[in-house]
C-alpha atoms as a PDB file:
ATOM      1  CA  UNK A   1     -13.590 -15.252  -3.692  1.00  0.00           C
ATOM      2  CA  UNK A   2     -11.395 -12.456  -4.582  1.00  0.00           C
ATOM      3  CA  UNK A   3     -14.159  -9.834  -3.996  1.00  0.00           C
ATOM      4  CA  UNK A   4     -12.450 -10.219  -0.271  1.00  0.00           C
ATOM      5  CA  UNK A   5      -9.367  -8.188  -1.746  1.00  0.00           C
ATOM      6  CA  UNK A   6     -11.206  -6.080  -4.485  1.00  0.00           C
ATOM      7  CA  UNK A   7     -14.204  -4.975  -3.231  1.00  0.00           C
ATOM      8  CA  UNK A   8     -15.912  -2.598  -0.803  1.00  0.00           C
ATOM      9  CA  UNK A   9     -19.132  -3.997  -1.276  1.00  0.00           C
ATOM     10  CA  UNK A  10     -19.121  -7.416  -0.441  1.00  0.00           C
ATOM     11  CA  UNK A  11     -20.299  -8.949   2.677  1.00  0.00           C
ATOM     12  CA  UNK A  12     -17.458 -10.915   3.883  1.00  0.00           C
ATOM     13  CA  UNK A  13     -18.331 -13.934   6.621  1.00  0.00           C
ATOM     14  CA  UNK A  14     -17.306 -13.641  10.316  1.00  0.00           C
ATOM     15  CA  UNK A  15     -14.214 -15.884   9.753  1.00  0.00           C
ATOM     16  CA  UNK A  16     -12.827 -13.500   6.396  1.00  0.00           C
ATOM     17  CA  UNK A  17     -13.550 -10.266   8.652  1.00  0.00           C
ATOM     18  CA  UNK A  18     -11.263 -11.901  11.271  1.00  0.00           C
ATOM     19  CA  UNK A  19      -8.883 -12.301   9.179  1.00  0.00           C
ATOM     20  CA  UNK A  20      -8.695  -8.756   7.614  1.00  0.00           C
ATOM     21  CA  UNK A  21      -8.728  -7.564  11.458  1.00  0.00           C
ATOM     22  CA  UNK A  22      -5.461  -8.894  12.346  1.00  0.00           C
ATOM     23  CA  UNK A  23      -3.632  -8.591   9.580  1.00  0.00           C
ATOM     24  CA  UNK A  24      -4.033  -5.323   9.743  1.00  0.00           C
ATOM     25  CA  UNK A  25      -3.169  -4.730  12.903  1.00  0.00           C
ATOM     26  CA  UNK A  26      -0.166  -7.038  12.174  1.00  0.00           C
ATOM     27  CA  UNK A  27       0.642  -4.516   9.226  1.00  0.00           C
ATOM     28  CA  UNK A  28      -0.261  -1.290  11.384  1.00  0.00           C
ATOM     29  CA  UNK A  29       3.712  -0.269  12.141  1.00  0.00           C
ATOM     30  CA  UNK A  30       4.168  -0.839   8.925  1.00  0.00           C
ATOM     31  CA  UNK A  31       1.304   1.233   7.584  1.00  0.00           C
ATOM     32  CA  UNK A  32       2.525   4.106  10.107  1.00  0.00           C
ATOM     33  CA  UNK A  33       5.833   4.186   9.004  1.00  0.00           C
ATOM     34  CA  UNK A  34       4.078   4.344   5.251  1.00  0.00           C
ATOM     35  CA  UNK A  35       1.704   7.198   6.352  1.00  0.00           C
ATOM     36  CA  UNK A  36       5.052   9.664   7.437  1.00  0.00           C
ATOM     37  CA  UNK A  37       6.645   8.637   4.612  1.00  0.00           C
ATOM     38  CA  UNK A  38       3.121   9.869   2.485  1.00  0.00           C
ATOM     39  CA  UNK A  39       2.758  13.238   4.409  1.00  0.00           C
ATOM     40  CA  UNK A  40       5.963  13.911   4.423  1.00  0.00           C
ATOM     41  CA  UNK A  41       6.171  13.579   0.001  1.00  0.00           C
ATOM     42  CA  UNK A  42       3.152  14.606  -0.205  1.00  0.00           C
ATOM     43  CA  UNK A  43       1.909  11.152  -1.842  1.00  0.00           C
ATOM     44  CA  UNK A  44      -0.802   8.493  -0.514  1.00  0.00           C
ATOM     45  CA  UNK A  45       0.007   5.409   1.175  1.00  0.00           C
ATOM     46  CA  UNK A  46      -0.548   3.772  -2.060  1.00  0.00           C
ATOM     47  CA  UNK A  47       1.632   5.921  -4.156  1.00  0.00           C
ATOM     48  CA  UNK A  48       4.322   5.292  -1.632  1.00  0.00           C
ATOM     49  CA  UNK A  49       3.551   1.359  -2.175  1.00  0.00           C
ATOM     50  CA  UNK A  50       3.753   1.546  -5.623  1.00  0.00           C
ATOM     51  CA  UNK A  51       7.330   3.010  -5.240  1.00  0.00           C
ATOM     52  CA  UNK A  52       8.862   0.878  -3.711  1.00  0.00           C
ATOM     53  CA  UNK A  53       7.421  -2.115  -5.677  1.00  0.00           C
ATOM     54  CA  UNK A  54       9.238  -0.105  -8.097  1.00  0.00           C
ATOM     55  CA  UNK A  55      12.559   0.833  -5.959  1.00  0.00           C
ATOM     56  CA  UNK A  56      12.947  -3.271  -5.967  1.00  0.00           C
ATOM     57  CA  UNK A  57      12.798  -3.600 -10.070  1.00  0.00           C
ATOM     58  CA  UNK A  58       9.415  -5.087 -10.382  1.00  0.00           C
ATOM     59  CA  UNK A  59       6.260  -3.702 -13.106  1.00  0.00           C
ATOM     60  CA  UNK A  60       3.860  -3.333 -10.701  1.00  0.00           C
ATOM     61  CA  UNK A  61       0.047  -3.451 -12.464  1.00  0.00           C
ATOM     62  CA  UNK A  62      -1.936  -1.710 -10.350  1.00  0.00           C
ATOM     63  CA  UNK A  63      -5.303  -1.150 -10.726  1.00  0.00           C
ATOM     64  CA  UNK A  64      -7.957   1.432 -11.322  1.00  0.00           C
ATOM     65  CA  UNK A  65     -11.693   1.302 -10.153  1.00  0.00           C
ATOM     66  CA  UNK A  66     -12.006   4.805 -10.237  1.00  0.00           C
ATOM     67  CA  UNK A  67     -10.810   8.347 -10.812  1.00  0.00           C
ATOM     68  CA  UNK A  68      -9.317   8.697  -7.340  1.00  0.00           C
ATOM     69  CA  UNK A  69      -6.907   5.555  -8.141  1.00  0.00           C
ATOM     70  CA  UNK A  70      -5.944   6.348 -11.443  1.00  0.00           C
ATOM     71  CA  UNK A  71      -4.552   9.558 -10.205  1.00  0.00           C
ATOM     72  CA  UNK A  72      -2.521   7.871  -7.412  1.00  0.00           C
ATOM     73  CA  UNK A  73      -1.596   4.804  -9.547  1.00  0.00           C
ATOM     74  CA  UNK A  74       0.087   7.752 -12.033  1.00  0.00           C
ATOM     75  CA  UNK A  75       1.226   9.947  -9.109  1.00  0.00           C
ATOM     76  CA  UNK A  76       3.528   6.776  -7.804  1.00  0.00           C
ATOM     77  CA  UNK A  77       5.094   7.580 -11.364  1.00  0.00           C
ATOM     78  CA  UNK A  78       8.573   9.661 -11.767  1.00  0.00           C
ATOM     79  CA  UNK A  79       9.582  10.133  -8.809  1.00  0.00           C
ATOM     80  CA  UNK A  80      11.623   7.346  -6.931  1.00  0.00           C
ATOM     81  CA  UNK A  81      11.656   6.830  -2.419  1.00  0.00           C
ATOM     82  CA  UNK A  82      14.453   7.456  -1.332  1.00  0.00           C
ATOM     83  CA  UNK A  83      17.190   4.687   0.525  1.00  0.00           C
ATOM     84  CA  UNK A  84      16.887   5.733   3.025  1.00  0.00           C
ATOM     85  CA  UNK A  85      13.327   5.345   3.155  1.00  0.00           C
ATOM     86  CA  UNK A  86      12.896   1.731   1.542  1.00  0.00           C
ATOM     87  CA  UNK A  87      15.704   0.690   4.448  1.00  0.00           C
ATOM     88  CA  UNK A  88      12.971   2.130   6.769  1.00  0.00           C
ATOM     89  CA  UNK A  89      10.037   0.522   4.599  1.00  0.00           C
ATOM     90  CA  UNK A  90      11.574  -3.030   4.821  1.00  0.00           C
ATOM     91  CA  UNK A  91      13.069  -2.986   8.136  1.00  0.00           C
ATOM     92  CA  UNK A  92       9.021  -1.933   9.353  1.00  0.00           C
ATOM     93  CA  UNK A  93       8.512  -4.849   7.167  1.00  0.00           C
ATOM     94  CA  UNK A  94      10.868  -7.598   8.490  1.00  0.00           C
ATOM     95  CA  UNK A  95      10.090  -7.234  12.249  1.00  0.00           C
END
């Protein structure tokens, strides 16, 4: 069921919740770096993530379930992370 990733209203099983919590704890350091870059640039973490994908030469296909998500998607365009920021994200994601 894809709703685990896409819906905040879906009821999750205890196993799904456990998996999501484990994943979130493992991603904590990377999310902290993303948050730091986002604050410095006046962007959201979602915009940093989308822009990273663009910097790597891929074309993201983001969804937008509401206006806020649409604004995040648009806000990821017309700028690029610096090479140092990309390296910082990759260094943290490799740990």
